[in-house]
């Protein structure tokens, strides 16, 4: 069990920075704490993983944005189509 400098049990979070995509780390459970980062949980990823994961995340984010647009264009579960006459 890892403890924070404030003596509370540390929690794990996931980093989504381009330097450490998907890498977990320990931090203080208090949101306003000055001890936000305590140490790393996961070992360092290989260079190939650090190159591939950000691209996969960008692709996923683009798909989520497209889905949000598609949902915004629906009404009661039906797709609204606009046809010029």
PDB file of N, CA and C in Angstrom:
ATOM      1  N   UNK A   1       0.839  -1.169   0.000  1.00  0.00           N
ATOM      2  CA  UNK A   1       0.000   0.000   0.000  1.00  0.00           C
ATOM      3  C   UNK A   1       0.893   1.244   0.000  1.00  0.00           C
ATOM      4  N   UNK A   2       0.606   2.129  -0.910  1.00  0.00           N
ATOM      5  CA  UNK A   2       1.374   3.371  -1.016  1.00  0.00           C
ATOM      6  C   UNK A   2       0.614   4.468  -0.292  1.00  0.00           C
ATOM      7  N   UNK A   3       1.323   5.241   0.466  1.00  0.00           N
ATOM      8  CA  UNK A   3       0.716   6.341   1.214  1.00  0.00           C
ATOM      9  C   UNK A   3       1.221   7.676   0.681  1.00  0.00           C
ATOM     10  N   UNK A   4       0.334   8.658   0.742  1.00  0.00           N
ATOM     11  CA  UNK A   4       0.678  10.022   0.352  1.00  0.00           C
ATOM     12  C   UNK A   4       1.515  10.646   1.462  1.00  0.00           C
ATOM     13  N   UNK A   5       2.119  11.774   1.147  1.00  0.00           N
ATOM     14  CA  UNK A   5       2.892  12.514   2.145  1.00  0.00           C
ATOM     15  C   UNK A   5       1.999  12.994   3.281  1.00  0.00           C
ATOM     16  N   UNK A   6       0.706  13.125   3.036  1.00  0.00           N
ATOM     17  CA  UNK A   6      -0.237  13.540   4.083  1.00  0.00           C
ATOM     18  C   UNK A   6      -0.728  12.345   4.899  1.00  0.00           C
ATOM     19  N   UNK A   7      -0.183  11.170   4.650  1.00  0.00           N
ATOM     20  CA  UNK A   7      -0.438   9.890   5.335  1.00  0.00           C
ATOM     21  C   UNK A   7      -1.739   9.196   4.936  1.00  0.00           C
ATOM     22  N   UNK A   8      -2.464   9.718   3.946  1.00  0.00           N
ATOM     23  CA  UNK A   8      -3.644   9.016   3.428  1.00  0.00           C
ATOM     24  C   UNK A   8      -3.192   7.987   2.395  1.00  0.00           C
ATOM     25  N   UNK A   9      -4.045   6.994   2.158  1.00  0.00           N
ATOM     26  CA  UNK A   9      -3.717   5.990   1.154  1.00  0.00           C
ATOM     27  C   UNK A   9      -3.790   6.621  -0.237  1.00  0.00           C
ATOM     28  N   UNK A  10      -2.723   6.458  -1.011  1.00  0.00           N
ATOM     29  CA  UNK A  10      -2.670   7.040  -2.355  1.00  0.00           C
ATOM     30  C   UNK A  10      -3.619   6.299  -3.286  1.00  0.00           C
ATOM     31  N   UNK A  11      -4.092   7.001  -4.302  1.00  0.00           N
ATOM     32  CA  UNK A  11      -4.924   6.392  -5.336  1.00  0.00           C
ATOM     33  C   UNK A  11      -4.142   6.387  -6.639  1.00  0.00           C
ATOM     34  N   UNK A  12      -4.593   5.582  -7.595  1.00  0.00           N
ATOM     35  CA  UNK A  12      -3.935   5.563  -8.903  1.00  0.00           C
ATOM     36  C   UNK A  12      -4.793   6.327  -9.902  1.00  0.00           C
ATOM     37  N   UNK A  13      -4.128   7.057 -10.756  1.00  0.00           N
ATOM     38  CA  UNK A  13      -4.754   7.782 -11.858  1.00  0.00           C
ATOM     39  C   UNK A  13      -4.017   7.393 -13.135  1.00  0.00           C
ATOM     40  N   UNK A  14      -4.575   7.754 -14.264  1.00  0.00           N
ATOM     41  CA  UNK A  14      -3.951   7.446 -15.542  1.00  0.00           C
ATOM     42  C   UNK A  14      -3.566   8.731 -16.248  1.00  0.00           C
ATOM     43  N   UNK A  15      -2.337   8.779 -16.701  1.00  0.00           N
ATOM     44  CA  UNK A  15      -1.835   9.933 -17.444  1.00  0.00           C
ATOM     45  C   UNK A  15      -2.210   9.782 -18.913  1.00  0.00           C
ATOM     46  N   UNK A  16      -2.669  10.861 -19.530  1.00  0.00           N
ATOM     47  CA  UNK A  16      -2.944  10.843 -20.969  1.00  0.00           C
ATOM     48  C   UNK A  16      -2.097  11.888 -21.689  1.00  0.00           C
ATOM     49  N   UNK A  17      -0.952  12.227 -21.118  1.00  0.00           N
ATOM     50  CA  UNK A  17      -0.037  13.143 -21.789  1.00  0.00           C
ATOM     51  C   UNK A  17       0.663  12.398 -22.912  1.00  0.00           C
ATOM     52  N   UNK A  18       1.207  13.113 -23.881  1.00  0.00           N
ATOM     53  CA  UNK A  18       1.913  12.439 -24.974  1.00  0.00           C
ATOM     54  C   UNK A  18       3.204  11.787 -24.495  1.00  0.00           C
ATOM     55  N   UNK A  19       3.768  12.264 -23.394  1.00  0.00           N
ATOM     56  CA  UNK A  19       4.992  11.658 -22.860  1.00  0.00           C
ATOM     57  C   UNK A  19       4.712  10.345 -22.135  1.00  0.00           C
ATOM     58  N   UNK A  20       3.546  10.228 -21.500  1.00  0.00           N
ATOM     59  CA  UNK A  20       3.196   9.029 -20.725  1.00  0.00           C
ATOM     60  C   UNK A  20       1.758   8.584 -21.001  1.00  0.00           C
ATOM     61  N   UNK A  21       1.401   8.274 -22.243  1.00  0.00           N
ATOM     62  CA  UNK A  21       0.008   7.923 -22.534  1.00  0.00           C
ATOM     63  C   UNK A  21      -0.382   6.595 -21.896  1.00  0.00           C
ATOM     64  N   UNK A  22      -1.451   6.613 -21.127  1.00  0.00           N
ATOM     65  CA  UNK A  22      -1.957   5.396 -20.521  1.00  0.00           C
ATOM     66  C   UNK A  22      -1.168   4.895 -19.324  1.00  0.00           C
ATOM     67  N   UNK A  23      -0.195   5.651 -18.882  1.00  0.00           N
ATOM     68  CA  UNK A  23       0.650   5.214 -17.766  1.00  0.00           C
ATOM     69  C   UNK A  23       0.020   5.638 -16.443  1.00  0.00           C
ATOM     70  N   UNK A  24      -0.095   4.685 -15.520  1.00  0.00           N
ATOM     71  CA  UNK A  24      -0.711   4.974 -14.229  1.00  0.00           C
ATOM     72  C   UNK A  24       0.315   5.509 -13.239  1.00  0.00           C
ATOM     73  N   UNK A  25      -0.184   6.349 -12.326  1.00  0.00           N
ATOM     74  CA  UNK A  25       0.685   6.928 -11.309  1.00  0.00           C
ATOM     75  C   UNK A  25      -0.088   7.059 -10.004  1.00  0.00           C
ATOM     76  N   UNK A  26       0.634   7.180  -8.920  1.00  0.00           N
ATOM     77  CA  UNK A  26       0.033   7.373  -7.599  1.00  0.00           C
ATOM     78  C   UNK A  26      -0.132   8.860  -7.331  1.00  0.00           C
ATOM     79  N   UNK A  27      -1.244   9.213  -6.681  1.00  0.00           N
ATOM     80  CA  UNK A  27      -1.445  10.599  -6.280  1.00  0.00           C
ATOM     81  C   UNK A  27      -2.283  10.648  -5.010  1.00  0.00           C
ATOM     82  N   UNK A  28      -2.332  11.809  -4.406  1.00  0.00           N
ATOM     83  CA  UNK A  28      -3.097  12.031  -3.184  1.00  0.00           C
ATOM     84  C   UNK A  28      -4.591  11.965  -3.510  1.00  0.00           C
ATOM     85  N   UNK A  29      -5.411  11.382  -2.635  1.00  0.00           N
ATOM     86  CA  UNK A  29      -6.849  11.325  -2.902  1.00  0.00           C
ATOM     87  C   UNK A  29      -7.555  12.674  -2.776  1.00  0.00           C
ATOM     88  N   UNK A  30      -6.923  13.646  -2.130  1.00  0.00           N
ATOM     89  CA  UNK A  30      -7.533  14.970  -1.977  1.00  0.00           C
ATOM     90  C   UNK A  30      -7.300  15.798  -3.235  1.00  0.00           C
ATOM     91  N   UNK A  31      -8.390  16.232  -3.867  1.00  0.00           N
ATOM     92  CA  UNK A  31      -8.297  16.992  -5.119  1.00  0.00           C
ATOM     93  C   UNK A  31      -7.467  18.264  -4.983  1.00  0.00           C
ATOM     94  N   UNK A  32      -7.594  18.979  -3.896  1.00  0.00           N
ATOM     95  CA  UNK A  32      -6.891  20.244  -3.731  1.00  0.00           C
ATOM     96  C   UNK A  32      -5.508  20.114  -3.129  1.00  0.00           C
ATOM     97  N   UNK A  33      -5.035  18.897  -2.979  1.00  0.00           N
ATOM     98  CA  UNK A  33      -3.750  18.666  -2.325  1.00  0.00           C
ATOM     99  C   UNK A  33      -2.581  19.159  -3.172  1.00  0.00           C
ATOM    100  N   UNK A  34      -1.523  19.559  -2.505  1.00  0.00           N
ATOM    101  CA  UNK A  34      -0.306  19.943  -3.228  1.00  0.00           C
ATOM    102  C   UNK A  34       0.534  18.711  -3.563  1.00  0.00           C
ATOM    103  N   UNK A  35       0.095  17.527  -3.126  1.00  0.00           N
ATOM    104  CA  UNK A  35       0.805  16.271  -3.407  1.00  0.00           C
ATOM    105  C   UNK A  35       0.097  15.500  -4.516  1.00  0.00           C
ATOM    106  N   UNK A  36      -0.168  16.136  -5.623  1.00  0.00           N
ATOM    107  CA  UNK A  36      -0.927  15.488  -6.693  1.00  0.00           C
ATOM    108  C   UNK A  36      -0.179  14.301  -7.299  1.00  0.00           C
ATOM    109  N   UNK A  37       1.122  14.336  -7.359  1.00  0.00           N
ATOM    110  CA  UNK A  37       1.890  13.251  -7.970  1.00  0.00           C
ATOM    111  C   UNK A  37       2.831  12.688  -6.925  1.00  0.00           C
ATOM    112  N   UNK A  38       2.739  11.380  -6.672  1.00  0.00           N
ATOM    113  CA  UNK A  38       3.584  10.750  -5.665  1.00  0.00           C
ATOM    114  C   UNK A  38       4.646   9.874  -6.314  1.00  0.00           C
ATOM    115  N   UNK A  39       4.249   9.101  -7.291  1.00  0.00           N
ATOM    116  CA  UNK A  39       5.201   8.218  -7.964  1.00  0.00           C
ATOM    117  C   UNK A  39       4.507   7.427  -9.055  1.00  0.00           C
ATOM    118  N   UNK A  40       5.283   6.700  -9.850  1.00  0.00           N
ATOM    119  CA  UNK A  40       4.739   5.928 -10.960  1.00  0.00           C
ATOM    120  C   UNK A  40       4.318   4.537 -10.509  1.00  0.00           C
ATOM    121  N   UNK A  41       3.217   4.063 -11.054  1.00  0.00           N
ATOM    122  CA  UNK A  41       2.692   2.731 -10.779  1.00  0.00           C
ATOM    123  C   UNK A  41       3.191   1.755 -11.838  1.00  0.00           C
ATOM    124  N   UNK A  42       3.138   2.170 -13.093  1.00  0.00           N
ATOM    125  CA  UNK A  42       3.529   1.313 -14.216  1.00  0.00           C
ATOM    126  C   UNK A  42       4.972   1.555 -14.620  1.00  0.00           C
ATOM    127  N   UNK A  43       5.634   0.527 -15.144  1.00  0.00           N
ATOM    128  CA  UNK A  43       6.975   0.740 -15.700  1.00  0.00           C
ATOM    129  C   UNK A  43       6.872   1.555 -16.991  1.00  0.00           C
ATOM    130  N   UNK A  44       7.977   2.088 -17.431  1.00  0.00           N
ATOM    131  CA  UNK A  44       7.999   2.891 -18.649  1.00  0.00           C
ATOM    132  C   UNK A  44       7.624   2.038 -19.854  1.00  0.00           C
ATOM    133  N   UNK A  45       6.869   2.617 -20.781  1.00  0.00           N
ATOM    134  CA  UNK A  45       6.472   1.910 -21.999  1.00  0.00           C
ATOM    135  C   UNK A  45       7.599   1.955 -23.014  1.00  0.00           C
ATOM    136  N   UNK A  46       7.537   1.010 -23.944  1.00  0.00           N
ATOM    137  CA  UNK A  46       8.529   1.006 -25.014  1.00  0.00           C
ATOM    138  C   UNK A  46       8.238   2.171 -25.967  1.00  0.00           C
ATOM    139  N   UNK A  47       9.225   2.525 -26.769  1.00  0.00           N
ATOM    140  CA  UNK A  47       9.095   3.668 -27.682  1.00  0.00           C
ATOM    141  C   UNK A  47       7.957   3.465 -28.677  1.00  0.00           C
ATOM    142  N   UNK A  48       7.767   2.242 -29.147  1.00  0.00           N
ATOM    143  CA  UNK A  48       6.697   1.962 -30.115  1.00  0.00           C
ATOM    144  C   UNK A  48       5.322   2.245 -29.505  1.00  0.00           C
ATOM    145  N   UNK A  49       5.116   1.836 -28.274  1.00  0.00           N
ATOM    146  CA  UNK A  49       3.831   2.102 -27.610  1.00  0.00           C
ATOM    147  C   UNK A  49       3.602   3.593 -27.441  1.00  0.00           C
ATOM    148  N   UNK A  50       4.648   4.324 -27.094  1.00  0.00           N
ATOM    149  CA  UNK A  50       4.507   5.778 -26.925  1.00  0.00           C
ATOM    150  C   UNK A  50       4.196   6.459 -28.248  1.00  0.00           C
ATOM    151  N   UNK A  51       4.584   5.843 -29.368  1.00  0.00           N
ATOM    152  CA  UNK A  51       4.261   6.408 -30.683  1.00  0.00           C
ATOM    153  C   UNK A  51       2.836   6.042 -31.101  1.00  0.00           C
ATOM    154  N   UNK A  52       2.420   4.812 -30.841  1.00  0.00           N
ATOM    155  CA  UNK A  52       1.141   4.316 -31.347  1.00  0.00           C
ATOM    156  C   UNK A  52      -0.052   4.818 -30.537  1.00  0.00           C
ATOM    157  N   UNK A  53       0.041   4.805 -29.228  1.00  0.00           N
ATOM    158  CA  UNK A  53      -1.110   5.119 -28.374  1.00  0.00           C
ATOM    159  C   UNK A  53      -1.682   6.519 -28.619  1.00  0.00           C
ATOM    160  N   UNK A  54      -0.871   7.576 -28.740  1.00  0.00           N
ATOM    161  CA  UNK A  54      -1.477   8.894 -29.007  1.00  0.00           C
ATOM    162  C   UNK A  54      -2.288   8.926 -30.307  1.00  0.00           C
ATOM    163  N   UNK A  55      -1.830   8.232 -31.348  1.00  0.00           N
ATOM    164  CA  UNK A  55      -2.589   8.177 -32.597  1.00  0.00           C
ATOM    165  C   UNK A  55      -3.918   7.463 -32.425  1.00  0.00           C
ATOM    166  N   UNK A  56      -3.905   6.370 -31.668  1.00  0.00           N
ATOM    167  CA  UNK A  56      -5.146   5.655 -31.387  1.00  0.00           C
ATOM    168  C   UNK A  56      -6.111   6.531 -30.590  1.00  0.00           C
ATOM    169  N   UNK A  57      -5.589   7.271 -29.632  1.00  0.00           N
ATOM    170  CA  UNK A  57      -6.437   8.162 -28.838  1.00  0.00           C
ATOM    171  C   UNK A  57      -7.034   9.273 -29.694  1.00  0.00           C
ATOM    172  N   UNK A  58      -6.229   9.833 -30.605  1.00  0.00           N
ATOM    173  CA  UNK A  58      -6.753  10.880 -31.499  1.00  0.00           C
ATOM    174  C   UNK A  58      -7.882  10.324 -32.358  1.00  0.00           C
ATOM    175  N   UNK A  59      -7.681   9.114 -32.894  1.00  0.00           N
ATOM    176  CA  UNK A  59      -8.719   8.486 -33.712  1.00  0.00           C
ATOM    177  C   UNK A  59      -9.998   8.248 -32.922  1.00  0.00           C
ATOM    178  N   UNK A  60      -9.850   7.787 -31.703  1.00  0.00           N
ATOM    179  CA  UNK A  60     -11.006   7.549 -30.836  1.00  0.00           C
ATOM    180  C   UNK A  60     -11.719   8.859 -30.528  1.00  0.00           C
ATOM    181  N   UNK A  61     -10.970   9.905 -30.235  1.00  0.00           N
ATOM    182  CA  UNK A  61     -11.581  11.207 -29.946  1.00  0.00           C
ATOM    183  C   UNK A  61     -12.341  11.742 -31.149  1.00  0.00           C
ATOM    184  N   UNK A  62     -11.787  11.552 -32.355  1.00  0.00           N
ATOM    185  CA  UNK A  62     -12.473  11.998 -33.569  1.00  0.00           C
ATOM    186  C   UNK A  62     -13.783  11.240 -33.753  1.00  0.00           C
ATOM    187  N   UNK A  63     -13.770   9.929 -33.500  1.00  0.00           N
ATOM    188  CA  UNK A  63     -14.995   9.141 -33.616  1.00  0.00           C
ATOM    189  C   UNK A  63     -16.040   9.579 -32.591  1.00  0.00           C
ATOM    190  N   UNK A  64     -15.602   9.881 -31.377  1.00  0.00           N
ATOM    191  CA  UNK A  64     -16.538  10.355 -30.354  1.00  0.00           C
ATOM    192  C   UNK A  64     -17.160  11.686 -30.756  1.00  0.00           C
ATOM    193  N   UNK A  65     -16.368  12.579 -31.350  1.00  0.00           N
ATOM    194  CA  UNK A  65     -16.905  13.863 -31.804  1.00  0.00           C
ATOM    195  C   UNK A  65     -17.935  13.652 -32.909  1.00  0.00           C
ATOM    196  N   UNK A  66     -17.642  12.746 -33.844  1.00  0.00           N
ATOM    197  CA  UNK A  66     -18.589  12.460 -34.928  1.00  0.00           C
ATOM    198  C   UNK A  66     -19.873  11.854 -34.375  1.00  0.00           C
ATOM    199  N   UNK A  67     -19.749  10.990 -33.362  1.00  0.00           N
ATOM    200  CA  UNK A  67     -20.924  10.394 -32.742  1.00  0.00           C
ATOM    201  C   UNK A  67     -21.777  11.457 -32.058  1.00  0.00           C
ATOM    202  N   UNK A  68     -21.141  12.403 -31.372  1.00  0.00           N
ATOM    203  CA  UNK A  68     -21.887  13.481 -30.719  1.00  0.00           C
ATOM    204  C   UNK A  68     -22.661  14.305 -31.740  1.00  0.00           C
ATOM    205  N   UNK A  69     -22.052  14.561 -32.893  1.00  0.00           N
ATOM    206  CA  UNK A  69     -22.744  15.303 -33.952  1.00  0.00           C
ATOM    207  C   UNK A  69     -23.930  14.489 -34.456  1.00  0.00           C
ATOM    208  N   UNK A  70     -23.734  13.188 -34.671  1.00  0.00           N
ATOM    209  CA  UNK A  70     -24.820  12.339 -35.157  1.00  0.00           C
ATOM    210  C   UNK A  70     -25.963  12.286 -34.148  1.00  0.00           C
ATOM    211  N   UNK A  71     -25.635  12.201 -32.870  1.00  0.00           N
ATOM    212  CA  UNK A  71     -26.674  12.179 -31.835  1.00  0.00           C
ATOM    213  C   UNK A  71     -27.418  13.508 -31.808  1.00  0.00           C
ATOM    214  N   UNK A  72     -26.698  14.608 -31.998  1.00  0.00           N
ATOM    215  CA  UNK A  72     -27.329  15.928 -32.006  1.00  0.00           C
ATOM    216  C   UNK A  72     -28.296  16.078 -33.179  1.00  0.00           C
ATOM    217  N   UNK A  73     -28.077  15.321 -34.249  1.00  0.00           N
ATOM    218  CA  UNK A  73     -28.944  15.403 -35.424  1.00  0.00           C
ATOM    219  C   UNK A  73     -30.111  14.422 -35.357  1.00  0.00           C
ATOM    220  N   UNK A  74     -30.308  13.775 -34.235  1.00  0.00           N
ATOM    221  CA  UNK A  74     -31.420  12.831 -34.107  1.00  0.00           C
ATOM    222  C   UNK A  74     -32.535  13.452 -33.281  1.00  0.00           C
ATOM    223  N   UNK A  75     -33.715  12.946 -33.491  1.00  0.00           N
ATOM    224  CA  UNK A  75     -34.883  13.379 -32.733  1.00  0.00           C
ATOM    225  C   UNK A  75     -35.689  12.130 -32.414  1.00  0.00           C
ATOM    226  N   UNK A  76     -35.895  11.844 -31.161  1.00  0.00           N
ATOM    227  CA  UNK A  76     -36.611  10.632 -30.733  1.00  0.00           C
ATOM    228  C   UNK A  76     -36.026   9.374 -31.372  1.00  0.00           C
ATOM    229  N   UNK A  77     -34.725   9.336 -31.492  1.00  0.00           N
ATOM    230  CA  UNK A  77     -34.073   8.149 -32.044  1.00  0.00           C
ATOM    231  C   UNK A  77     -34.079   8.078 -33.554  1.00  0.00           C
ATOM    232  N   UNK A  78     -34.661   9.082 -34.217  1.00  0.00           N
ATOM    233  CA  UNK A  78     -34.696   9.083 -35.682  1.00  0.00           C
ATOM    234  C   UNK A  78     -33.738  10.138 -36.207  1.00  0.00           C
ATOM    235  N   UNK A  79     -33.101   9.845 -37.302  1.00  0.00           N
ATOM    236  CA  UNK A  79     -32.176  10.793 -37.917  1.00  0.00           C
ATOM    237  C   UNK A  79     -32.978  11.809 -38.716  1.00  0.00           C
ATOM    238  N   UNK A  80     -32.674  13.071 -38.498  1.00  0.00           N
ATOM    239  CA  UNK A  80     -33.330  14.128 -39.258  1.00  0.00           C
ATOM    240  C   UNK A  80     -32.587  14.340 -40.565  1.00  0.00           C
ATOM    241  N   UNK A  81     -33.314  14.316 -41.655  1.00  0.00           N
ATOM    242  CA  UNK A  81     -32.709  14.544 -42.968  1.00  0.00           C
ATOM    243  C   UNK A  81     -33.311  15.814 -43.555  1.00  0.00           C
ATOM    244  N   UNK A  82     -32.460  16.626 -44.101  1.00  0.00           N
ATOM    245  CA  UNK A  82     -32.911  17.861 -44.721  1.00  0.00           C
ATOM    246  C   UNK A  82     -32.676  17.744 -46.220  1.00  0.00           C
ATOM    247  N   UNK A  83     -33.743  17.894 -46.987  1.00  0.00           N
ATOM    248  CA  UNK A  83     -33.660  17.764 -48.437  1.00  0.00           C
ATOM    249  C   UNK A  83     -34.045  19.101 -49.044  1.00  0.00           C
ATOM    250  N   UNK A  84     -33.186  19.607 -49.930  1.00  0.00           N
ATOM    251  CA  UNK A  84     -33.506  20.857 -50.625  1.00  0.00           C
ATOM    252  C   UNK A  84     -34.443  20.554 -51.772  1.00  0.00           C
ATOM    253  N   UNK A  85     -35.446  21.414 -51.954  1.00  0.00           N
ATOM    254  CA  UNK A  85     -36.392  21.205 -53.052  1.00  0.00           C
ATOM    255  C   UNK A  85     -36.348  22.372 -53.984  1.00  0.00           C
TER     256      UNK A  85
END
